[in-house]
Amino acid sequence: MVVVRHSRSAGARLTTLDALRCMSRTASGVISRVGARFGGVAEASDVKPRQSFRGLAAAVLFGAASLLTAVNALAQNNLSAATTASSANGGISAAGNAAVVALPSTGGPVAINPAVPIGQSTMTQGVAQLKERYNLSHVWLRSETDGGASLEAATAGDDASRMLPVASLSKSVTAIGIALLVQQGKLSLDAKLGDLLNAYSKEHGKPLDPSLRDLSVRRLLAHRAGLATNGYNDPINGLYSGLAIRRVGGSADFFNYLDAGDAGHSTGKSDFVYSNVSYLLLGMVIEAVSGEDYKDFCEKNIFGPLGIADATLPDSWRLLAPFAGWQMSTSALLKVWRVFDIRRPSLLTEKTLRAMLLDKQAGPINPDRDIFYTLGVFLVPGASDRSYRISHDGIADFFRTQSTYYTVVEKTVPGDSWALVVSPIPPRGQFGAIQRDVRKIIRQARLVP
């Protein structure tokens, strides 16, 4: 067998010229050996020299043809690779799927990423499209994968990490506070307001309405306490938070808010009625049981352990604190919602999450839909007891002199999560379309399967 070695540096390409030289040397070596072998055969056997020479010559020609075929294929391959590299270096393909791979002289393949990651570009473009499509002034969007990767974007001129009013998403903070007290053995889900707030109400000089005394913590968490709903749900009898705040001023307490809104009583019914008052009362329970101010309790027991520094409760929003007062970045908001992942217990144990977040005891909010309201979130169960989707939205429009905001968060377990804040508040009929568009943007950014 004839072997001709071709010396070249590690990783260097075998050019067509190199291959031709190699072929030539190989052919020459074969022919020279053929000559020697032909002579030997003539001397040592009865085989006719001409017949032996023809057979060996045919073998040489066949080998040469094979080498030419290989050289041609190599040339075509090099041309294709060069074309691909040239196209990729000139810009991203329309599909945006191909990463450019260079072959260095040593080591393995190294991916050359675009200056702006494809996912980030898609997110930024998506935010701009939301702004245009829904006539918005400001948009903030953040998405996080189950594995921890994240993308965030905001409209031009806006800081993606800005602290924003999260409106009713504040309920999830209050619910976590209640769950912590239950987990610590300081509170029972079946405890009644009459027992929990008796001393607290006397301390504030505000007696508790008798209709509230038999309400349990469990019913308050699930919005099944027969309390006043929000004004936009019931324009006639609903409670308008902004009006109540203007009536009592900035120095009032939670009891003043109840009085101003004429909301300190219950019908006794246990069907689902979404009510801010439920979570206002739970905020009072946190203060009564812990002996701490609601804001201080949350900062020390929730935000501190979670490493959240970008969350605040402005004085003018203090009355709304337990149900709509918190302001934080979308990053901080999603960090709070990580607490609800039963696969990765943090502040709340798996036992607590199973007993409170996944609690279906109260039943679905609507008989026709498998949706539950549990720990300050709407929950849709999944195929197993460790899979579910939680979500919540909210509006902040309590002050006439301030901008209005719409906030929505969605988290899938197992899966990904996202948070959106926009201003001003779009028409209610567009909420669903906006959420669908956000999911589409995130899928295109390759954060969601």
Protein backbone atom coordinates (compact mmCIF):
# COMPACT_ATOMS: atom_id res chain seq x y z
CA MET A 1 0.00 0.00 0.00
CA VAL A 2 1.33 3.44 -0.96
CA VAL A 3 0.96 6.17 1.68
CA VAL A 4 2.06 9.73 0.92
CA ARG A 5 1.95 12.04 3.93
CA HIS A 6 1.00 15.70 3.50
CA SER A 7 2.44 18.02 6.13
CA ARG A 8 0.30 21.02 7.17
CA SER A 9 -0.45 22.95 10.35
CA ALA A 10 -3.21 21.73 12.67
CA GLY A 11 -6.62 22.91 11.54
CA ALA A 12 -5.42 24.17 8.10
CA ARG A 13 -7.63 23.39 5.11
CA LEU A 14 -6.56 20.78 2.52
CA THR A 15 -6.68 22.82 -0.70
CA THR A 16 -7.36 21.46 -4.18
CA LEU A 17 -3.71 22.07 -5.15
CA ASP A 18 -2.52 20.12 -2.13
CA ALA A 19 -4.76 17.23 -3.11
CA LEU A 20 -3.49 17.23 -6.71
CA ARG A 21 0.11 17.15 -5.52
CA CYS A 22 -0.73 14.30 -3.19
CA MET A 23 -2.45 12.44 -6.04
CA SER A 24 0.55 12.94 -8.33
CA ARG A 25 2.98 11.59 -5.77
CA THR A 26 0.73 8.63 -5.09
CA ALA A 27 0.38 7.80 -8.78
CA SER A 28 4.15 8.06 -9.33
CA GLY A 29 4.84 5.78 -6.43
CA VAL A 30 2.35 3.22 -7.67
CA ILE A 31 3.76 3.24 -11.20
CA SER A 32 7.34 2.83 -9.99
CA ARG A 33 6.31 -0.10 -7.86
CA VAL A 34 4.37 -1.53 -10.78
CA GLY A 35 7.52 -1.49 -12.85
CA ALA A 36 9.50 -3.31 -10.21
CA ARG A 37 6.77 -5.85 -9.65
CA PHE A 38 6.37 -6.37 -13.42
CA GLY A 39 10.03 -7.22 -13.71
CA GLY A 40 9.90 -9.66 -10.84
CA VAL A 41 6.90 -11.41 -12.23
CA ALA A 42 8.51 -11.80 -15.65
CA GLU A 43 11.51 -13.41 -14.20
CA ALA A 44 9.82 -15.68 -11.71
CA SER A 45 6.73 -16.98 -13.50
CA ASP A 46 5.19 -18.12 -16.76
CA VAL A 47 2.68 -15.21 -16.85
CA LYS A 48 2.99 -13.17 -20.03
CA PRO A 49 4.52 -9.74 -19.29
CA ARG A 50 2.03 -7.80 -21.49
CA GLN A 51 -1.04 -9.24 -19.74
CA SER A 52 0.36 -8.47 -16.27
CA PHE A 53 1.26 -4.93 -17.28
CA ARG A 54 -2.26 -4.25 -18.63
CA GLY A 55 -3.88 -5.41 -15.39
CA LEU A 56 -1.67 -3.29 -13.22
CA ALA A 57 -2.06 -0.26 -15.49
CA ALA A 58 -5.85 -0.57 -15.22
CA ALA A 59 -5.54 -0.58 -11.43
CA VAL A 60 -3.45 2.59 -11.54
CA LEU A 61 -5.95 4.37 -13.78
CA PHE A 62 -8.84 3.32 -11.56
CA GLY A 63 -7.04 4.68 -8.50
CA ALA A 64 -6.29 7.95 -10.27
CA ALA A 65 -9.95 8.36 -11.23
CA SER A 66 -11.00 7.80 -7.61
CA LEU A 67 -8.58 10.44 -6.43
CA LEU A 68 -9.86 12.95 -9.00
CA THR A 69 -13.44 12.34 -7.82
CA ALA A 70 -12.43 12.94 -4.20
CA VAL A 71 -10.55 16.11 -5.14
CA ASN A 72 -13.58 17.47 -6.99
CA ALA A 73 -15.86 16.76 -4.01
CA LEU A 74 -13.38 18.46 -1.70
CA ALA A 75 -13.30 21.54 -3.91
CA GLN A 76 -17.09 21.75 -3.97
CA ASN A 77 -17.20 21.39 -0.18
CA ASN A 78 -14.65 24.18 0.30
CA LEU A 79 -16.61 26.43 -2.05
CA SER A 80 -19.85 25.77 -0.17
CA ALA A 81 -18.20 26.48 3.19
CA ALA A 82 -16.71 29.71 1.91
CA THR A 83 -20.09 30.85 0.55
CA THR A 84 -21.81 30.07 3.87
CA ALA A 85 -19.18 31.94 5.89
CA SER A 86 -19.35 34.94 3.57
CA SER A 87 -23.14 35.10 3.81
CA ALA A 88 -23.13 34.74 7.59
CA ASN A 89 -20.43 37.39 8.10
CA GLY A 90 -22.44 39.78 5.96
CA GLY A 91 -25.50 39.62 8.23
CA ILE A 92 -28.05 37.38 9.93
CA SER A 93 -30.22 35.24 7.68
CA ALA A 94 -33.91 36.04 7.30
CA ALA A 95 -34.81 33.13 9.54
CA GLY A 96 -32.22 34.29 12.10
CA ASN A 97 -31.45 30.70 13.08
CA ALA A 98 -27.87 30.06 11.94
CA ALA A 99 -24.88 30.84 14.14
CA VAL A 100 -21.56 31.37 12.34
CA VAL A 101 -18.97 28.76 13.29
CA ALA A 102 -15.24 29.34 12.65
CA LEU A 103 -12.69 26.55 12.55
CA PRO A 104 -9.52 27.68 14.35
CA SER A 105 -6.11 26.06 13.91
CA THR A 106 -6.40 24.47 17.34
CA GLY A 107 -9.26 23.62 19.68
CA GLY A 108 -12.95 22.99 18.93
CA PRO A 109 -15.56 25.03 17.03
CA VAL A 110 -16.26 28.50 18.43
CA ALA A 111 -19.64 30.18 17.84
CA ILE A 112 -19.55 33.81 16.73
CA ASN A 113 -22.64 35.52 18.14
CA PRO A 114 -24.16 38.67 16.62
CA ALA A 115 -23.43 41.95 18.42
CA VAL A 116 -27.09 42.10 19.56
CA PRO A 117 -28.47 38.69 20.65
CA ILE A 118 -31.34 37.57 18.47
CA GLY A 119 -33.64 37.12 21.47
CA GLN A 120 -32.96 40.61 22.79
CA SER A 121 -33.57 42.14 19.38
CA THR A 122 -36.89 40.30 19.11
CA MET A 123 -37.95 41.47 22.57
CA THR A 124 -37.08 45.09 21.81
CA GLN A 125 -38.95 45.00 18.52
CA GLY A 126 -41.91 43.34 20.22
CA VAL A 127 -42.13 46.11 22.82
CA ALA A 128 -42.12 48.71 20.04
CA GLN A 129 -44.91 46.82 18.27
CA LEU A 130 -47.03 46.68 21.44
CA LYS A 131 -46.62 50.41 21.89
CA GLU A 132 -47.72 51.11 18.33
CA ARG A 133 -50.53 48.56 18.13
CA TYR A 134 -52.26 49.51 21.38
CA ASN A 135 -51.47 53.23 21.38
CA LEU A 136 -49.34 53.04 24.53
CA SER A 137 -46.85 55.58 25.84
CA HIS A 138 -44.69 53.18 27.86
CA VAL A 139 -44.08 49.42 27.87
CA TRP A 140 -41.88 47.34 30.16
CA LEU A 141 -41.51 43.60 29.54
CA ARG A 142 -39.38 40.93 31.17
CA SER A 143 -39.26 37.17 30.60
CA GLU A 144 -37.39 34.44 32.46
CA THR A 145 -36.84 30.84 31.43
CA ASP A 146 -37.16 27.89 33.75
CA GLY A 147 -33.39 27.60 33.59
CA GLY A 148 -32.74 31.16 34.75
CA ALA A 149 -32.04 32.99 31.47
CA SER A 150 -33.81 36.33 31.16
CA LEU A 151 -34.58 39.09 28.69
CA GLU A 152 -36.08 42.50 29.36
CA ALA A 153 -36.92 45.51 27.25
CA ALA A 154 -38.68 48.85 27.53
CA THR A 155 -39.84 51.54 25.16
CA ALA A 156 -37.20 53.97 23.93
CA GLY A 157 -36.16 56.35 26.69
CA ASP A 158 -37.52 54.16 29.51
CA ASP A 159 -35.37 52.32 32.07
CA ALA A 160 -36.15 48.59 32.00
CA SER A 161 -35.31 48.37 35.73
CA ARG A 162 -37.57 51.23 36.82
CA MET A 163 -39.78 50.69 39.88
CA LEU A 164 -43.43 50.73 38.76
CA PRO A 165 -46.85 50.46 40.44
CA VAL A 166 -47.76 46.77 40.30
CA ALA A 167 -51.35 47.38 41.42
CA SER A 168 -53.20 44.16 42.36
CA LEU A 169 -50.01 42.13 42.07
CA SER A 170 -49.43 43.51 45.59
CA LYS A 171 -51.91 40.86 46.74
CA SER A 172 -49.32 38.16 46.09
CA VAL A 173 -46.95 39.90 48.52
CA THR A 174 -49.65 40.02 51.20
CA ALA A 175 -50.57 36.38 50.57
CA ILE A 176 -46.94 35.31 51.02
CA GLY A 177 -46.86 37.23 54.32
CA ILE A 178 -49.96 35.37 55.52
CA ALA A 179 -48.48 32.04 54.39
CA LEU A 180 -45.28 32.75 56.33
CA LEU A 181 -47.26 33.34 59.53
CA VAL A 182 -49.17 30.08 58.95
CA GLN A 183 -45.91 28.25 58.26
CA GLN A 184 -44.43 29.62 61.49
CA GLY A 185 -47.42 28.37 63.47
CA LYS A 186 -48.52 31.89 64.41
CA LEU A 187 -51.72 31.83 62.37
CA SER A 188 -54.37 29.32 61.30
CA LEU A 189 -56.23 29.44 58.01
CA ASP A 190 -59.44 28.86 59.91
CA ALA A 191 -58.83 31.64 62.44
CA LYS A 192 -61.64 34.23 62.57
CA LEU A 193 -61.25 37.98 62.21
CA GLY A 194 -63.13 38.54 65.46
CA ASP A 195 -60.35 36.76 67.36
CA LEU A 196 -57.47 38.07 65.28
CA LEU A 197 -58.42 41.75 65.18
CA ASN A 198 -60.18 42.26 68.51
CA ALA A 199 -57.24 43.86 70.34
CA TYR A 200 -55.96 45.47 67.14
CA SER A 201 -59.26 47.23 66.47
CA LYS A 202 -59.49 48.50 70.05
CA GLU A 203 -55.94 49.81 69.81
CA HIS A 204 -56.97 51.85 66.77
CA GLY A 205 -60.21 52.94 68.39
CA LYS A 206 -62.25 51.37 65.59
CA PRO A 207 -64.62 48.55 66.55
CA LEU A 208 -64.88 45.69 64.06
CA ASP A 209 -68.22 45.38 62.30
CA PRO A 210 -70.09 42.28 63.63
CA SER A 211 -70.55 40.95 60.09
CA LEU A 212 -66.77 40.61 59.77
CA ARG A 213 -66.12 38.71 62.97
CA ASP A 214 -66.79 35.19 61.62
CA LEU A 215 -64.78 35.58 58.43
CA SER A 216 -61.83 33.16 58.24
CA VAL A 217 -58.40 33.79 56.79
CA ARG A 218 -59.06 31.07 54.22
CA ARG A 219 -62.17 32.84 52.90
CA LEU A 220 -60.35 36.16 52.68
CA LEU A 221 -57.49 34.64 50.67
CA ALA A 222 -59.96 33.12 48.18
CA HIS A 223 -62.20 36.23 47.80
CA ARG A 224 -65.14 34.37 49.33
CA ALA A 225 -65.94 36.63 52.26
CA GLY A 226 -68.99 38.49 50.92
CA LEU A 227 -67.13 41.82 50.84
CA ALA A 228 -67.56 44.83 48.57
CA THR A 229 -66.15 44.32 45.11
CA ASN A 230 -64.29 46.91 43.06
CA GLY A 231 -66.06 49.77 41.33
CA TYR A 232 -65.36 48.56 37.82
CA ASN A 233 -66.96 45.19 38.65
CA ASP A 234 -70.02 46.78 40.25
CA PRO A 235 -70.42 50.47 39.27
CA ILE A 236 -73.41 50.89 41.62
CA ASN A 237 -72.25 49.21 44.83
CA GLY A 238 -68.55 48.76 44.13
CA LEU A 239 -65.74 50.43 46.05
CA TYR A 240 -63.68 53.10 44.29
CA SER A 241 -60.29 53.14 46.00
CA GLY A 242 -59.24 56.52 44.64
CA LEU A 243 -62.38 58.19 45.97
CA ALA A 244 -61.94 56.59 49.39
CA ILE A 245 -58.35 57.81 49.58
CA ARG A 246 -59.32 61.36 48.69
CA ARG A 247 -61.95 61.31 51.43
CA VAL A 248 -59.57 60.31 54.22
CA GLY A 249 -56.30 61.95 53.13
CA GLY A 250 -52.76 60.65 53.35
CA SER A 251 -52.47 60.25 57.14
CA ALA A 252 -55.31 57.76 57.53
CA ASP A 253 -55.04 54.10 58.51
CA PHE A 254 -56.64 50.95 57.13
CA PHE A 255 -59.77 51.42 59.26
CA ASN A 256 -60.26 54.92 57.87
CA TYR A 257 -60.19 53.47 54.38
CA LEU A 258 -62.92 50.97 55.25
CA ASP A 259 -65.09 53.73 56.69
CA ALA A 260 -64.56 56.09 53.77
CA GLY A 261 -65.49 53.39 51.28
CA ASP A 262 -68.38 52.08 53.37
CA ALA A 263 -66.76 48.67 52.96
CA GLY A 264 -66.41 47.46 56.54
CA HIS A 265 -69.17 44.86 56.40
CA SER A 266 -69.93 41.49 54.81
CA THR A 267 -73.01 39.97 53.20
CA GLY A 268 -72.00 36.59 54.57
CA LYS A 269 -72.06 34.96 51.13
CA SER A 270 -69.24 32.59 50.20
CA ASP A 271 -69.31 32.69 46.40
CA PHE A 272 -66.33 34.18 44.57
CA VAL A 273 -66.40 37.99 44.51
CA TYR A 274 -63.09 39.68 43.76
CA SER A 275 -62.57 42.31 46.45
CA ASN A 276 -59.68 44.55 47.42
CA VAL A 277 -61.18 44.70 50.91
CA SER A 278 -60.33 41.03 51.48
CA TYR A 279 -56.62 41.75 51.17
CA LEU A 280 -56.84 45.01 53.08
CA LEU A 281 -58.16 42.97 56.01
CA LEU A 282 -55.36 40.43 55.52
CA GLY A 283 -52.87 43.29 55.76
CA MET A 284 -54.44 44.17 59.09
CA VAL A 285 -54.12 40.52 60.16
CA ILE A 286 -50.38 40.62 59.38
CA GLU A 287 -49.95 43.68 61.60
CA ALA A 288 -52.08 42.21 64.40
CA VAL A 289 -50.38 38.79 64.47
CA SER A 290 -46.78 39.91 63.86
CA GLY A 291 -46.93 43.07 65.94
CA GLU A 292 -45.13 44.90 63.13
CA ASP A 293 -46.09 47.54 60.62
CA TYR A 294 -47.21 45.90 57.36
CA LYS A 295 -44.48 47.59 55.31
CA ASP A 296 -41.74 46.69 57.80
CA PHE A 297 -42.92 43.09 57.98
CA CYS A 298 -42.80 42.65 54.21
CA GLU A 299 -39.39 44.27 53.85
CA LYS A 300 -37.87 42.16 56.63
CA ASN A 301 -39.53 38.80 55.96
CA ILE A 302 -40.12 38.81 52.19
CA PHE A 303 -38.02 41.30 50.23
CA GLY A 304 -34.93 41.01 52.43
CA PRO A 305 -34.60 37.21 52.25
CA LEU A 306 -35.32 37.29 48.50
CA GLY A 307 -32.56 39.86 47.94
CA ILE A 308 -34.96 42.45 46.55
CA ALA A 309 -33.80 46.04 46.98
CA ASP A 310 -35.92 47.61 44.25
CA ALA A 311 -39.34 47.53 45.94
CA THR A 312 -40.96 50.45 47.71
CA LEU A 313 -44.22 51.62 49.26
CA PRO A 314 -44.66 55.39 48.77
CA ASP A 315 -46.49 57.24 51.54
CA SER A 316 -49.33 58.26 49.23
CA TRP A 317 -49.95 54.58 48.44
CA ARG A 318 -49.79 53.34 52.04
CA LEU A 319 -53.53 52.83 52.40
CA LEU A 320 -53.49 50.60 49.33
CA ALA A 321 -50.47 48.62 50.50
CA PRO A 322 -51.92 45.13 51.09
CA PHE A 323 -53.90 45.01 47.85
CA ALA A 324 -52.41 47.53 45.40
CA GLY A 325 -49.71 49.72 46.95
CA TRP A 326 -46.34 48.19 46.13
CA GLN A 327 -44.00 49.53 43.47
CA MET A 328 -41.13 47.45 42.11
CA SER A 329 -39.27 46.53 38.95
CA THR A 330 -40.46 43.72 36.71
CA SER A 331 -37.34 41.82 37.78
CA ALA A 332 -38.29 42.12 41.45
CA LEU A 333 -41.87 41.14 40.71
CA LEU A 334 -40.82 37.91 39.00
CA LYS A 335 -38.44 37.21 41.87
CA VAL A 336 -41.39 37.41 44.27
CA TRP A 337 -43.33 34.98 42.10
CA ARG A 338 -40.51 32.45 42.19
CA VAL A 339 -41.71 31.74 45.72
CA PHE A 340 -44.70 29.99 44.12
CA ASP A 341 -42.57 27.30 42.42
CA ILE A 342 -43.27 24.09 44.32
CA ARG A 343 -40.24 22.40 42.73
CA ARG A 344 -37.84 24.95 44.21
CA PRO A 345 -39.13 25.92 47.66
CA SER A 346 -37.60 29.10 49.08
CA LEU A 347 -39.52 31.25 51.57
CA LEU A 348 -42.42 28.82 51.59
CA THR A 349 -41.95 25.07 52.01
CA GLU A 350 -43.43 22.52 49.65
CA LYS A 351 -45.88 21.56 52.39
CA THR A 352 -47.08 25.16 52.73
CA LEU A 353 -47.40 25.62 48.97
CA ARG A 354 -49.35 22.40 48.63
CA ALA A 355 -51.71 23.37 51.44
CA MET A 356 -52.26 26.98 50.37
CA LEU A 357 -51.26 27.65 46.76
CA LEU A 358 -52.67 24.39 45.40
CA ASP A 359 -55.67 24.38 47.72
CA LYS A 360 -58.88 23.63 45.78
CA GLN A 361 -61.12 23.43 48.81
CA ALA A 362 -63.02 26.60 47.92
CA GLY A 363 -63.75 25.35 44.41
CA PRO A 364 -63.26 27.06 41.04
CA ILE A 365 -64.16 30.72 40.63
CA ASN A 366 -66.56 29.73 37.86
CA PRO A 367 -68.29 26.32 37.61
CA ASP A 368 -67.57 26.21 33.88
CA ARG A 369 -63.84 26.86 34.16
CA ASP A 370 -61.12 25.02 36.08
CA ILE A 371 -59.61 28.20 37.55
CA PHE A 372 -59.00 28.77 41.25
CA TYR A 373 -58.02 31.80 43.32
CA THR A 374 -55.75 30.78 46.17
CA LEU A 375 -52.62 32.58 47.38
CA GLY A 376 -53.15 35.98 45.79
CA VAL A 377 -53.06 34.43 42.30
CA PHE A 378 -55.35 32.79 39.78
CA LEU A 379 -54.34 29.15 39.36
CA VAL A 380 -54.99 26.67 36.54
CA PRO A 381 -53.97 23.11 37.53
CA GLY A 382 -51.76 21.08 35.20
CA ALA A 383 -51.55 17.40 34.36
CA SER A 384 -49.78 16.52 37.64
CA ASP A 385 -49.77 17.83 41.20
CA ARG A 386 -46.50 19.62 40.44
CA SER A 387 -47.58 21.43 37.30
CA TYR A 388 -49.78 24.51 37.06
CA ARG A 389 -50.04 28.01 35.67
CA ILE A 390 -50.60 31.08 37.83
CA SER A 391 -51.39 34.60 36.69
CA HIS A 392 -52.78 37.94 37.81
CA ASP A 393 -53.28 41.39 36.40
CA GLY A 394 -54.08 44.75 37.90
CA ILE A 395 -54.65 48.42 37.21
CA ALA A 396 -53.30 51.46 39.03
CA ASP A 397 -55.56 54.46 38.48
CA PHE A 398 -56.12 55.74 42.00
CA PHE A 399 -54.78 59.28 41.66
CA ARG A 400 -56.03 61.81 39.14
CA THR A 401 -52.69 63.61 38.92
CA GLN A 402 -50.59 60.51 38.22
CA SER A 403 -50.09 58.24 35.24
CA THR A 404 -52.13 55.04 35.06
CA TYR A 405 -50.66 51.56 34.69
CA TYR A 406 -51.75 48.06 33.70
CA THR A 407 -49.68 45.15 35.04
CA VAL A 408 -49.89 41.43 34.29
CA VAL A 409 -47.75 38.46 35.32
CA GLU A 410 -47.89 34.83 34.23
CA LYS A 411 -45.84 31.89 35.50
CA THR A 412 -45.94 28.29 34.30
CA VAL A 413 -44.58 25.44 36.45
CA PRO A 414 -42.63 23.79 34.98
CA GLY A 415 -41.92 26.49 32.45
CA ASP A 416 -41.25 30.15 32.13
CA SER A 417 -42.59 33.43 33.49
CA TRP A 418 -43.10 36.98 32.26
CA ALA A 419 -44.16 40.35 33.60
CA LEU A 420 -45.60 43.26 31.63
CA VAL A 421 -46.36 46.83 32.69
CA VAL A 422 -47.86 49.38 30.28
CA SER A 423 -49.06 52.96 30.54
CA PRO A 424 -51.66 54.30 30.12
CA ILE A 425 -54.23 51.60 30.89
CA PRO A 426 -55.57 50.20 27.60
CA PRO A 427 -59.29 49.47 27.10
CA ARG A 428 -60.35 46.36 29.06
CA GLY A 429 -61.40 44.65 25.86
CA GLN A 430 -57.74 44.63 24.77
CA PHE A 431 -56.30 42.93 27.87
CA GLY A 432 -56.59 39.42 26.40
CA ALA A 433 -55.15 40.44 23.02
CA ILE A 434 -52.18 42.13 24.70
CA GLN A 435 -51.42 39.01 26.72
CA ARG A 436 -51.59 36.82 23.61
CA ASP A 437 -49.22 39.17 21.80
CA VAL A 438 -46.77 39.04 24.71
CA ARG A 439 -46.73 35.24 24.63
CA LYS A 440 -46.06 35.37 20.90
CA ILE A 441 -43.18 37.83 21.35
CA ILE A 442 -41.60 35.63 24.00
CA ARG A 443 -41.91 32.50 21.86
CA GLN A 444 -40.22 34.32 19.01
CA ALA A 445 -37.46 35.40 21.38
CA ARG A 446 -36.90 31.69 22.09
CA LEU A 447 -37.52 31.88 25.80
CA VAL A 448 -40.73 29.85 25.74
CA PRO A 449 -41.07 26.45 23.98
